[in-house]
Amino acid sequence: GLPPGPIGSTSLRSIKAVTAPADNFEMTYFVTDKNADFYFNETLAGHNKTIAELKKKGLWLYTQLGS
């Protein structure tokens, strides 16, 4: 199965967004924990910090998969 979020969406609108993103598009990083709570960051550094915090709290989903 696919993870929650945009990657799991198969709508025509999401396909068009990937093939022709808006000019004012800003990168947003997101991750979900094992409770399906979402965490958003504007930078890769912030994203990696969130992952480290989730791992420390035992909420990192992929720890269960060996990553």
N, C-alpha and C. Protein backbone atom coordinates (compact mmCIF):
# COMPACT_ATOMS: atom_id res chain seq x y z
N GLY A 1 0.80 -1.18 0.00
CA GLY A 1 0.00 0.00 0.00
C GLY A 1 0.85 1.25 0.00
N LEU A 2 0.25 2.33 -0.39
CA LEU A 2 0.92 3.62 -0.41
C LEU A 2 0.72 4.33 0.92
N PRO A 3 1.67 5.19 1.31
CA PRO A 3 1.53 5.95 2.55
C PRO A 3 0.44 7.00 2.41
N PRO A 4 -0.04 7.55 3.54
CA PRO A 4 -1.04 8.61 3.45
C PRO A 4 -0.43 9.86 2.82
N GLY A 5 -1.26 10.66 2.20
CA GLY A 5 -0.80 11.90 1.60
C GLY A 5 -0.93 11.92 0.09
N PRO A 6 -0.31 12.91 -0.55
CA PRO A 6 -0.47 13.09 -1.99
C PRO A 6 -0.03 11.90 -2.83
N ILE A 7 0.97 11.17 -2.40
CA ILE A 7 1.46 10.05 -3.20
C ILE A 7 0.39 8.97 -3.37
N GLY A 8 -0.54 8.90 -2.43
CA GLY A 8 -1.59 7.91 -2.51
C GLY A 8 -2.81 8.37 -3.30
N SER A 9 -2.76 9.59 -3.82
CA SER A 9 -3.88 10.14 -4.58
C SER A 9 -3.71 9.85 -6.06
N THR A 10 -4.73 9.34 -6.69
CA THR A 10 -4.63 9.03 -8.11
C THR A 10 -5.58 9.87 -8.95
N SER A 11 -5.97 11.02 -8.44
CA SER A 11 -6.92 11.85 -9.18
C SER A 11 -6.25 12.54 -10.36
N LEU A 12 -7.04 12.91 -11.34
CA LEU A 12 -6.54 13.64 -12.51
C LEU A 12 -5.94 14.97 -12.08
N ARG A 13 -6.54 15.60 -11.10
CA ARG A 13 -6.03 16.89 -10.59
C ARG A 13 -4.61 16.74 -10.03
N SER A 14 -4.34 15.66 -9.30
CA SER A 14 -3.00 15.48 -8.74
C SER A 14 -1.99 15.17 -9.84
N ILE A 15 -2.39 14.44 -10.86
CA ILE A 15 -1.49 14.15 -11.99
C ILE A 15 -1.15 15.43 -12.73
N LYS A 16 -2.15 16.29 -12.96
CA LYS A 16 -1.90 17.57 -13.62
C LYS A 16 -0.97 18.46 -12.78
N ALA A 17 -1.12 18.43 -11.47
CA ALA A 17 -0.28 19.23 -10.59
C ALA A 17 1.18 18.80 -10.66
N VAL A 18 1.41 17.52 -10.83
CA VAL A 18 2.79 17.01 -10.94
C VAL A 18 3.40 17.39 -12.28
N THR A 19 2.62 17.28 -13.34
CA THR A 19 3.14 17.55 -14.67
C THR A 19 3.24 19.03 -15.00
N ALA A 20 2.49 19.87 -14.31
CA ALA A 20 2.53 21.32 -14.55
C ALA A 20 2.33 22.06 -13.24
N PRO A 21 3.35 22.07 -12.37
CA PRO A 21 3.18 22.74 -11.06
C PRO A 21 3.00 24.24 -11.21
N ALA A 22 2.39 24.85 -10.23
CA ALA A 22 2.16 26.30 -10.22
C ALA A 22 3.50 27.04 -10.20
N ASP A 23 3.52 28.23 -10.75
CA ASP A 23 4.75 29.04 -10.77
C ASP A 23 5.19 29.46 -9.38
N ASN A 24 4.26 29.62 -8.47
CA ASN A 24 4.58 30.07 -7.12
C ASN A 24 4.74 28.91 -6.14
N PHE A 25 5.08 27.76 -6.65
CA PHE A 25 5.20 26.54 -5.84
C PHE A 25 6.39 26.63 -4.90
N GLU A 26 6.17 26.30 -3.64
CA GLU A 26 7.24 26.22 -2.65
C GLU A 26 7.29 24.80 -2.11
N MET A 27 8.48 24.26 -1.96
CA MET A 27 8.66 22.90 -1.49
C MET A 27 8.20 22.79 -0.04
N THR A 28 7.44 21.79 0.25
CA THR A 28 7.03 21.49 1.62
C THR A 28 7.34 20.02 1.88
N TYR A 29 8.02 19.77 2.97
CA TYR A 29 8.33 18.41 3.37
C TYR A 29 7.31 17.96 4.40
N PHE A 30 6.90 16.70 4.33
CA PHE A 30 5.99 16.21 5.35
C PHE A 30 6.32 14.75 5.66
N VAL A 31 5.95 14.37 6.85
CA VAL A 31 6.13 13.00 7.31
C VAL A 31 4.97 12.67 8.24
N THR A 32 4.61 11.41 8.30
CA THR A 32 3.58 10.98 9.23
C THR A 32 4.19 10.05 10.26
N ASP A 33 3.62 10.05 11.45
CA ASP A 33 4.10 9.13 12.47
C ASP A 33 3.22 7.87 12.48
N LYS A 34 3.50 6.96 13.39
CA LYS A 34 2.76 5.70 13.40
C LYS A 34 1.30 5.87 13.82
N ASN A 35 0.93 7.07 14.30
CA ASN A 35 -0.46 7.37 14.63
C ASN A 35 -1.17 8.11 13.48
N ALA A 36 -0.50 8.22 12.34
CA ALA A 36 -1.00 8.93 11.15
C ALA A 36 -1.16 10.43 11.38
N ASP A 37 -0.38 11.00 12.32
CA ASP A 37 -0.33 12.45 12.49
C ASP A 37 0.69 13.01 11.51
N PHE A 38 0.38 14.14 10.89
CA PHE A 38 1.24 14.76 9.89
C PHE A 38 2.10 15.85 10.52
N TYR A 39 3.33 15.98 10.02
CA TYR A 39 4.27 17.02 10.43
C TYR A 39 4.81 17.65 9.16
N PHE A 40 4.72 18.99 9.05
CA PHE A 40 5.15 19.71 7.85
C PHE A 40 6.34 20.60 8.17
N ASN A 41 7.25 20.70 7.21
CA ASN A 41 8.42 21.57 7.34
C ASN A 41 8.68 22.25 6.00
N GLU A 42 9.27 23.44 6.07
CA GLU A 42 9.62 24.16 4.85
C GLU A 42 11.04 23.88 4.40
N THR A 43 11.86 23.28 5.27
CA THR A 43 13.25 23.00 4.91
C THR A 43 13.57 21.53 5.15
N LEU A 44 14.58 21.04 4.43
CA LEU A 44 15.03 19.67 4.63
C LEU A 44 15.62 19.49 6.03
N ALA A 45 16.32 20.51 6.51
CA ALA A 45 16.88 20.44 7.87
C ALA A 45 15.78 20.27 8.91
N GLY A 46 14.69 21.03 8.76
CA GLY A 46 13.56 20.90 9.68
C GLY A 46 12.90 19.54 9.57
N HIS A 47 12.79 19.04 8.35
CA HIS A 47 12.22 17.71 8.11
C HIS A 47 13.04 16.63 8.80
N ASN A 48 14.36 16.69 8.63
CA ASN A 48 15.23 15.70 9.27
C ASN A 48 15.19 15.80 10.79
N LYS A 49 15.04 17.01 11.31
CA LYS A 49 14.91 17.19 12.76
C LYS A 49 13.62 16.56 13.28
N THR A 50 12.53 16.73 12.54
CA THR A 50 11.25 16.12 12.91
C THR A 50 11.38 14.60 12.94
N ILE A 51 12.02 14.03 11.94
CA ILE A 51 12.22 12.57 11.90
C ILE A 51 13.03 12.11 13.10
N ALA A 52 14.09 12.84 13.42
CA ALA A 52 14.92 12.48 14.58
C ALA A 52 14.10 12.52 15.88
N GLU A 53 13.24 13.54 16.00
CA GLU A 53 12.39 13.65 17.19
C GLU A 53 11.37 12.52 17.26
N LEU A 54 10.80 12.16 16.12
CA LEU A 54 9.84 11.05 16.10
C LEU A 54 10.52 9.74 16.48
N LYS A 55 11.73 9.52 15.99
CA LYS A 55 12.48 8.31 16.34
C LYS A 55 12.75 8.28 17.84
N LYS A 56 13.15 9.42 18.39
CA LYS A 56 13.45 9.51 19.83
C LYS A 56 12.22 9.20 20.68
N LYS A 57 11.05 9.62 20.21
CA LYS A 57 9.80 9.39 20.94
C LYS A 57 9.17 8.03 20.65
N GLY A 58 9.79 7.25 19.74
CA GLY A 58 9.24 5.95 19.40
C GLY A 58 8.03 6.03 18.47
N LEU A 59 7.88 7.16 17.78
CA LEU A 59 6.74 7.35 16.90
C LEU A 59 7.09 7.20 15.42
N TRP A 60 8.34 6.94 15.12
CA TRP A 60 8.77 6.82 13.72
C TRP A 60 8.23 5.52 13.14
N LEU A 61 7.39 5.63 12.15
CA LEU A 61 6.69 4.51 11.55
C LEU A 61 7.63 3.46 10.97
N TYR A 62 8.68 3.88 10.30
CA TYR A 62 9.51 2.95 9.54
C TYR A 62 10.54 2.21 10.40
N THR A 63 10.65 2.55 11.68
CA THR A 63 11.51 1.79 12.57
C THR A 63 11.06 0.34 12.61
N GLN A 64 9.75 0.16 12.50
CA GLN A 64 9.18 -1.19 12.53
C GLN A 64 9.57 -1.99 11.28
N LEU A 65 9.98 -1.30 10.21
CA LEU A 65 10.32 -1.96 8.97
C LEU A 65 11.83 -2.15 8.82
N GLY A 66 12.59 -1.75 9.84
CA GLY A 66 14.03 -1.94 9.83
C GLY A 66 14.80 -0.76 9.30
N SER A 67 14.17 0.36 9.02
CA SER A 67 14.88 1.54 8.51
C SER A 67 15.22 2.49 9.64
